[in-house]
C-alpha cells in the first residue's frame, strides 16, 4: 500500500498554548463522508450520533455549532476515523483555522464564540 501525503501542517502549527498534561485534548470519532481534513479544521458535532464532522453553518443537526478543532491529518472519506481534537482550555492560531467554503463573517464569528465558550480562544499570530 502506498503512503499518501495529506499535508505537512501539524498540530504545532495550530496550537499556541494548551493545558498541562494535554488536558486540552480529547479523542473523537470523525464521521465517514467528512473527506480529507488537515489540522486546524473547525468541527461540529452531530447531536444524534455525537460524531464529529466539518463545521456546517447551514445545518440543523448540531454540526452548525463549533465543537472542537482537529489536530491531525485524516482521511474520513469512506469510514469513520478516531481523531485527536482540541476541545478546551487552549489558544489557537486564528489564521491556522480551516473553515468550510462559503462561510460568512457572521457564521465565523459565531463559531469562534462557540469555541471560546469551551475555552478555545483564537488569537492572531504564531
N, C-alpha and C. Protein backbone atom coordinates (compact mmCIF):
# COMPACT_ATOMS: atom_id res chain seq x y z
N UNK A 1 0.84 -1.17 0.00
CA UNK A 1 0.00 0.00 0.00
C UNK A 1 0.89 1.24 0.00
N UNK A 2 0.64 2.14 -0.91
CA UNK A 2 1.42 3.38 -1.00
C UNK A 2 0.95 4.36 0.06
N UNK A 3 1.90 5.10 0.61
CA UNK A 3 1.56 6.13 1.57
C UNK A 3 1.06 7.36 0.83
N UNK A 4 0.09 8.03 1.42
CA UNK A 4 -0.49 9.20 0.81
C UNK A 4 -0.19 10.41 1.69
N UNK A 5 0.49 11.39 1.17
CA UNK A 5 0.79 12.60 1.94
C UNK A 5 -0.45 13.48 1.95
N UNK A 6 -0.96 13.77 3.15
CA UNK A 6 -2.14 14.61 3.26
C UNK A 6 -1.76 16.08 3.43
N UNK A 7 -0.65 16.35 4.10
CA UNK A 7 -0.23 17.72 4.34
C UNK A 7 1.00 17.73 5.22
N UNK A 8 1.71 18.83 5.19
CA UNK A 8 2.83 19.00 6.11
C UNK A 8 2.40 19.77 7.35
N UNK A 9 1.20 20.28 7.37
CA UNK A 9 0.69 21.02 8.52
C UNK A 9 0.50 20.06 9.69
N UNK A 10 0.92 20.50 10.90
CA UNK A 10 0.79 19.66 12.09
C UNK A 10 0.05 20.42 13.18
N UNK A 11 -0.21 19.73 14.29
CA UNK A 11 -0.88 20.39 15.41
C UNK A 11 -0.08 21.56 15.96
N UNK A 12 1.24 21.52 15.84
CA UNK A 12 2.09 22.61 16.32
C UNK A 12 1.86 23.90 15.53
N UNK A 13 1.34 23.79 14.32
CA UNK A 13 1.02 24.97 13.52
C UNK A 13 -0.29 25.61 13.96
N UNK A 14 -1.09 24.89 14.71
CA UNK A 14 -2.42 25.33 15.11
C UNK A 14 -2.46 25.79 16.56
N UNK A 15 -1.84 25.04 17.45
CA UNK A 15 -1.94 25.28 18.89
C UNK A 15 -0.88 26.28 19.35
N UNK A 16 -1.33 27.38 19.98
CA UNK A 16 -0.40 28.35 20.57
C UNK A 16 -0.06 27.95 21.99
N UNK A 17 -1.06 27.47 22.71
CA UNK A 17 -0.90 27.14 24.12
C UNK A 17 -2.00 26.17 24.52
N UNK A 18 -1.68 25.23 25.39
CA UNK A 18 -2.70 24.31 25.87
C UNK A 18 -2.40 23.93 27.31
N UNK A 19 -3.39 23.32 27.97
CA UNK A 19 -3.25 22.96 29.37
C UNK A 19 -2.23 21.86 29.61
N UNK A 20 -1.72 21.82 30.84
CA UNK A 20 -0.74 20.80 31.22
C UNK A 20 -1.31 19.40 31.06
N UNK A 21 -0.43 18.49 30.75
CA UNK A 21 -0.84 17.09 30.66
C UNK A 21 -1.80 16.80 29.53
N UNK A 22 -1.84 17.68 28.57
CA UNK A 22 -2.73 17.51 27.40
C UNK A 22 -4.21 17.48 27.79
N UNK A 23 -4.57 18.18 28.88
CA UNK A 23 -5.97 18.24 29.30
C UNK A 23 -6.85 18.90 28.24
N UNK A 24 -6.24 19.66 27.36
CA UNK A 24 -6.99 20.36 26.32
C UNK A 24 -7.46 19.43 25.20
N UNK A 25 -6.88 18.25 25.12
CA UNK A 25 -7.15 17.33 24.01
C UNK A 25 -8.13 16.23 24.39
N UNK A 26 -8.86 15.78 23.40
CA UNK A 26 -9.76 14.64 23.52
C UNK A 26 -9.64 13.79 22.26
N UNK A 27 -10.22 12.61 22.33
CA UNK A 27 -10.41 11.80 21.13
C UNK A 27 -11.87 11.88 20.75
N UNK A 28 -12.13 11.78 19.47
CA UNK A 28 -13.50 11.76 18.98
C UNK A 28 -13.57 10.92 17.73
N UNK A 29 -14.78 10.71 17.26
CA UNK A 29 -15.00 9.96 16.02
C UNK A 29 -15.42 10.94 14.94
N UNK A 30 -14.61 11.01 13.89
CA UNK A 30 -14.94 11.82 12.73
C UNK A 30 -15.78 10.96 11.79
N UNK A 31 -16.95 11.45 11.44
CA UNK A 31 -17.90 10.67 10.66
C UNK A 31 -17.42 10.41 9.23
N UNK A 32 -17.72 9.21 8.77
CA UNK A 32 -17.47 8.84 7.39
C UNK A 32 -18.14 9.85 6.46
N UNK A 33 -17.47 10.17 5.37
CA UNK A 33 -18.00 11.15 4.44
C UNK A 33 -17.48 12.55 4.68
N UNK A 34 -16.68 12.72 5.74
CA UNK A 34 -16.13 14.04 6.06
C UNK A 34 -15.00 14.44 5.13
N UNK A 35 -14.43 13.47 4.43
CA UNK A 35 -13.37 13.77 3.47
C UNK A 35 -11.99 13.81 4.08
N UNK A 36 -11.07 14.39 3.34
CA UNK A 36 -9.68 14.54 3.79
C UNK A 36 -9.56 15.89 4.48
N UNK A 37 -9.16 15.86 5.74
CA UNK A 37 -9.07 17.09 6.54
C UNK A 37 -7.67 17.25 7.11
N UNK A 38 -7.31 18.50 7.38
CA UNK A 38 -6.00 18.82 7.93
C UNK A 38 -6.14 19.41 9.33
N UNK A 39 -5.04 19.45 10.08
CA UNK A 39 -5.07 20.10 11.39
C UNK A 39 -5.56 21.54 11.26
N UNK A 40 -6.36 21.96 12.22
CA UNK A 40 -6.90 23.31 12.21
C UNK A 40 -8.33 23.39 11.72
N UNK A 41 -8.86 22.29 11.19
CA UNK A 41 -10.24 22.30 10.69
C UNK A 41 -11.19 22.45 11.87
N UNK A 42 -12.10 23.40 11.77
CA UNK A 42 -13.12 23.60 12.80
C UNK A 42 -14.21 22.55 12.59
N UNK A 43 -14.55 21.87 13.68
CA UNK A 43 -15.50 20.76 13.61
C UNK A 43 -16.78 21.06 14.38
N UNK A 44 -17.87 20.48 13.92
CA UNK A 44 -19.13 20.47 14.65
C UNK A 44 -19.41 19.05 15.10
N UNK A 45 -20.43 18.89 15.93
CA UNK A 45 -20.78 17.55 16.43
C UNK A 45 -22.25 17.28 16.14
N UNK A 46 -22.53 16.18 15.46
CA UNK A 46 -23.91 15.79 15.18
C UNK A 46 -24.56 15.34 16.49
N UNK A 47 -25.64 15.97 16.86
CA UNK A 47 -26.27 15.71 18.16
C UNK A 47 -26.74 14.26 18.30
N UNK A 48 -27.32 13.69 17.27
CA UNK A 48 -27.89 12.34 17.35
C UNK A 48 -26.85 11.25 17.53
N UNK A 49 -25.66 11.44 16.96
CA UNK A 49 -24.64 10.38 17.00
C UNK A 49 -23.41 10.74 17.82
N UNK A 50 -23.26 12.01 18.16
CA UNK A 50 -22.06 12.55 18.83
C UNK A 50 -20.81 12.46 17.96
N UNK A 51 -20.96 12.15 16.69
CA UNK A 51 -19.81 12.11 15.78
C UNK A 51 -19.46 13.52 15.33
N UNK A 52 -18.18 13.72 15.09
CA UNK A 52 -17.68 15.00 14.60
C UNK A 52 -17.74 15.05 13.09
N UNK A 53 -17.96 16.24 12.57
CA UNK A 53 -17.97 16.49 11.13
C UNK A 53 -17.42 17.90 10.91
N UNK A 54 -17.00 18.22 9.70
CA UNK A 54 -16.61 19.60 9.45
C UNK A 54 -17.78 20.54 9.78
N UNK A 55 -17.48 21.68 10.35
CA UNK A 55 -18.49 22.68 10.68
C UNK A 55 -19.39 22.92 9.47
N UNK A 56 -20.71 22.95 9.71
CA UNK A 56 -21.68 23.17 8.64
C UNK A 56 -22.68 24.23 9.10
N UNK A 57 -22.36 25.52 8.92
CA UNK A 57 -23.19 26.59 9.47
C UNK A 57 -24.66 26.56 9.06
N UNK A 58 -24.98 25.99 7.92
CA UNK A 58 -26.37 25.96 7.45
C UNK A 58 -27.14 24.73 7.95
N UNK A 59 -26.47 23.84 8.66
CA UNK A 59 -27.12 22.60 9.13
C UNK A 59 -28.01 22.88 10.34
N UNK A 60 -28.78 21.87 10.74
CA UNK A 60 -29.62 21.98 11.93
C UNK A 60 -29.54 20.71 12.77
N UNK A 61 -28.45 19.95 12.61
CA UNK A 61 -28.29 18.68 13.31
C UNK A 61 -27.27 18.75 14.45
N UNK A 62 -26.82 19.96 14.76
CA UNK A 62 -25.79 20.14 15.78
C UNK A 62 -24.46 20.53 15.17
N UNK A 63 -24.23 20.15 13.92
CA UNK A 63 -22.94 20.43 13.28
C UNK A 63 -22.79 21.89 12.88
N UNK A 64 -23.83 22.69 13.09
CA UNK A 64 -23.75 24.12 12.81
C UNK A 64 -23.03 24.88 13.92
N UNK A 65 -22.78 24.23 15.05
CA UNK A 65 -22.11 24.85 16.19
C UNK A 65 -20.71 24.28 16.32
N UNK A 66 -19.71 25.16 16.38
CA UNK A 66 -18.32 24.70 16.52
C UNK A 66 -18.14 23.97 17.84
N UNK A 67 -17.54 22.78 17.77
CA UNK A 67 -17.35 21.95 18.95
C UNK A 67 -15.88 21.71 19.29
N UNK A 68 -15.00 21.78 18.29
CA UNK A 68 -13.60 21.44 18.52
C UNK A 68 -12.77 21.83 17.30
N UNK A 69 -11.45 21.67 17.45
CA UNK A 69 -10.51 21.91 16.36
C UNK A 69 -9.72 20.62 16.13
N UNK A 70 -9.69 20.16 14.90
CA UNK A 70 -8.96 18.95 14.54
C UNK A 70 -7.46 19.17 14.68
N UNK A 71 -6.75 18.15 15.22
CA UNK A 71 -5.31 18.28 15.43
C UNK A 71 -4.46 17.30 14.63
N UNK A 72 -5.04 16.64 13.66
CA UNK A 72 -4.25 15.71 12.86
C UNK A 72 -4.78 15.62 11.44
N UNK A 73 -3.94 15.10 10.56
CA UNK A 73 -4.36 14.80 9.20
C UNK A 73 -5.21 13.54 9.23
N UNK A 74 -6.29 13.54 8.47
CA UNK A 74 -7.16 12.37 8.48
C UNK A 74 -7.91 12.26 7.15
N UNK A 75 -8.17 11.02 6.76
CA UNK A 75 -9.00 10.75 5.59
C UNK A 75 -10.22 9.97 6.07
N UNK A 76 -11.33 10.67 6.19
CA UNK A 76 -12.59 10.05 6.60
C UNK A 76 -13.56 10.04 5.43
N UNK A 77 -13.03 9.82 4.26
CA UNK A 77 -13.85 9.80 3.05
C UNK A 77 -14.84 8.63 3.06
N UNK A 78 -14.36 7.45 3.45
CA UNK A 78 -15.21 6.26 3.33
C UNK A 78 -15.40 5.48 4.61
N UNK A 79 -14.85 5.96 5.72
CA UNK A 79 -15.02 5.26 7.00
C UNK A 79 -14.85 6.24 8.15
N UNK A 80 -15.55 5.97 9.25
CA UNK A 80 -15.34 6.75 10.47
C UNK A 80 -13.88 6.64 10.88
N UNK A 81 -13.34 7.70 11.46
CA UNK A 81 -11.95 7.69 11.92
C UNK A 81 -11.86 8.26 13.34
N UNK A 82 -11.06 7.61 14.18
CA UNK A 82 -10.78 8.15 15.51
C UNK A 82 -9.75 9.26 15.35
N UNK A 83 -10.03 10.43 15.94
CA UNK A 83 -9.14 11.59 15.78
C UNK A 83 -8.86 12.26 17.12
N UNK A 84 -7.78 13.03 17.13
CA UNK A 84 -7.44 13.86 18.29
C UNK A 84 -7.93 15.27 18.00
N UNK A 85 -8.64 15.84 18.98
CA UNK A 85 -9.20 17.18 18.83
C UNK A 85 -8.77 18.06 19.99
N UNK A 86 -8.79 19.35 19.75
CA UNK A 86 -8.59 20.34 20.80
C UNK A 86 -9.98 20.75 21.25
N UNK A 87 -10.31 20.49 22.52
CA UNK A 87 -11.67 20.66 22.98
C UNK A 87 -11.86 21.72 24.07
N UNK A 88 -10.78 22.12 24.76
CA UNK A 88 -10.94 23.04 25.89
C UNK A 88 -9.60 23.65 26.29
N UNK A 89 -9.67 24.73 27.06
CA UNK A 89 -8.51 25.34 27.72
C UNK A 89 -7.28 25.46 26.82
N UNK A 90 -7.42 26.21 25.73
CA UNK A 90 -6.30 26.34 24.80
C UNK A 90 -6.40 27.63 24.00
N UNK A 91 -5.27 28.01 23.42
CA UNK A 91 -5.22 29.10 22.45
C UNK A 91 -4.81 28.50 21.12
N UNK A 92 -5.44 28.96 20.05
CA UNK A 92 -5.10 28.50 18.71
C UNK A 92 -4.73 29.71 17.84
N UNK A 93 -3.99 29.44 16.78
CA UNK A 93 -3.61 30.47 15.82
C UNK A 93 -4.80 30.70 14.89
N UNK A 94 -5.36 31.90 14.94
CA UNK A 94 -6.57 32.20 14.16
C UNK A 94 -6.38 31.90 12.68
N UNK A 95 -5.26 32.33 12.11
CA UNK A 95 -5.08 32.15 10.68
C UNK A 95 -4.76 30.70 10.30
N UNK A 96 -4.55 29.82 11.28
CA UNK A 96 -4.32 28.39 11.00
C UNK A 96 -5.62 27.59 10.99
N UNK A 97 -6.72 28.23 11.41
CA UNK A 97 -8.01 27.52 11.40
C UNK A 97 -8.50 27.37 9.97
N UNK A 98 -9.13 26.24 9.70
CA UNK A 98 -9.68 25.98 8.37
C UNK A 98 -11.20 25.94 8.46
N UNK A 99 -11.83 26.66 7.54
CA UNK A 99 -13.27 26.88 7.57
C UNK A 99 -13.94 26.26 6.35
N UNK A 100 -15.25 26.00 6.44
CA UNK A 100 -15.96 25.49 5.27
C UNK A 100 -16.04 26.56 4.18
N UNK A 101 -16.08 26.12 2.95
CA UNK A 101 -16.23 27.04 1.82
C UNK A 101 -17.55 27.80 1.98
N UNK A 102 -17.51 29.08 1.71
CA UNK A 102 -18.73 29.88 1.74
C UNK A 102 -19.13 30.42 3.09
N UNK A 103 -18.37 30.13 4.14
CA UNK A 103 -18.73 30.65 5.46
C UNK A 103 -18.64 32.18 5.42
N UNK A 104 -19.61 32.85 6.06
CA UNK A 104 -19.57 34.31 6.07
C UNK A 104 -19.04 34.81 7.42
N UNK A 105 -18.82 36.10 7.52
CA UNK A 105 -18.22 36.69 8.72
C UNK A 105 -19.08 36.45 9.96
N UNK A 106 -20.39 36.52 9.82
CA UNK A 106 -21.28 36.30 10.96
C UNK A 106 -21.20 34.86 11.45
N UNK A 107 -21.20 33.92 10.52
CA UNK A 107 -21.09 32.50 10.88
C UNK A 107 -19.73 32.19 11.51
N UNK A 108 -18.68 32.79 10.97
CA UNK A 108 -17.35 32.58 11.53
C UNK A 108 -17.26 33.15 12.94
N UNK A 109 -17.83 34.33 13.16
CA UNK A 109 -17.83 34.93 14.49
C UNK A 109 -18.60 34.06 15.48
N UNK A 110 -19.72 33.48 15.03
CA UNK A 110 -20.50 32.58 15.90
C UNK A 110 -19.70 31.33 16.25
N UNK A 111 -18.97 30.80 15.28
CA UNK A 111 -18.15 29.61 15.53
C UNK A 111 -17.03 29.92 16.50
N UNK A 112 -16.38 31.06 16.33
CA UNK A 112 -15.31 31.46 17.25
C UNK A 112 -15.85 31.67 18.66
N UNK A 113 -17.06 32.24 18.76
CA UNK A 113 -17.68 32.43 20.07
C UNK A 113 -18.01 31.09 20.72
N UNK A 114 -18.47 30.12 19.94
CA UNK A 114 -18.78 28.79 20.47
C UNK A 114 -17.51 28.11 20.97
N UNK A 115 -16.42 28.25 20.23
CA UNK A 115 -15.14 27.69 20.69
C UNK A 115 -14.67 28.40 21.95
N UNK A 116 -14.80 29.72 21.98
CA UNK A 116 -14.36 30.47 23.16
C UNK A 116 -15.16 30.07 24.40
N UNK A 117 -16.44 29.76 24.23
CA UNK A 117 -17.26 29.30 25.35
C UNK A 117 -16.73 27.99 25.92
N UNK A 118 -16.00 27.22 25.12
CA UNK A 118 -15.38 25.98 25.56
C UNK A 118 -13.96 26.22 26.07
N UNK A 119 -13.51 27.47 26.01
CA UNK A 119 -12.17 27.79 26.45
C UNK A 119 -11.12 27.67 25.38
N UNK A 120 -11.54 27.55 24.12
CA UNK A 120 -10.60 27.51 22.99
C UNK A 120 -10.63 28.89 22.34
N UNK A 121 -9.59 29.66 22.58
CA UNK A 121 -9.53 31.06 22.15
C UNK A 121 -8.61 31.18 20.93
N UNK A 122 -9.11 31.83 19.89
CA UNK A 122 -8.32 32.04 18.68
C UNK A 122 -7.66 33.41 18.75
N UNK A 123 -6.35 33.44 18.51
CA UNK A 123 -5.58 34.68 18.55
C UNK A 123 -4.74 34.79 17.28
N UNK A 124 -4.54 36.02 16.83
CA UNK A 124 -3.69 36.27 15.66
C UNK A 124 -2.24 35.93 15.99
N UNK A 125 -1.50 35.51 14.97
CA UNK A 125 -0.07 35.30 15.13
C UNK A 125 0.30 33.86 15.40
N UNK A 126 1.61 33.65 15.42
CA UNK A 126 2.12 32.30 15.63
C UNK A 126 2.71 32.15 17.01
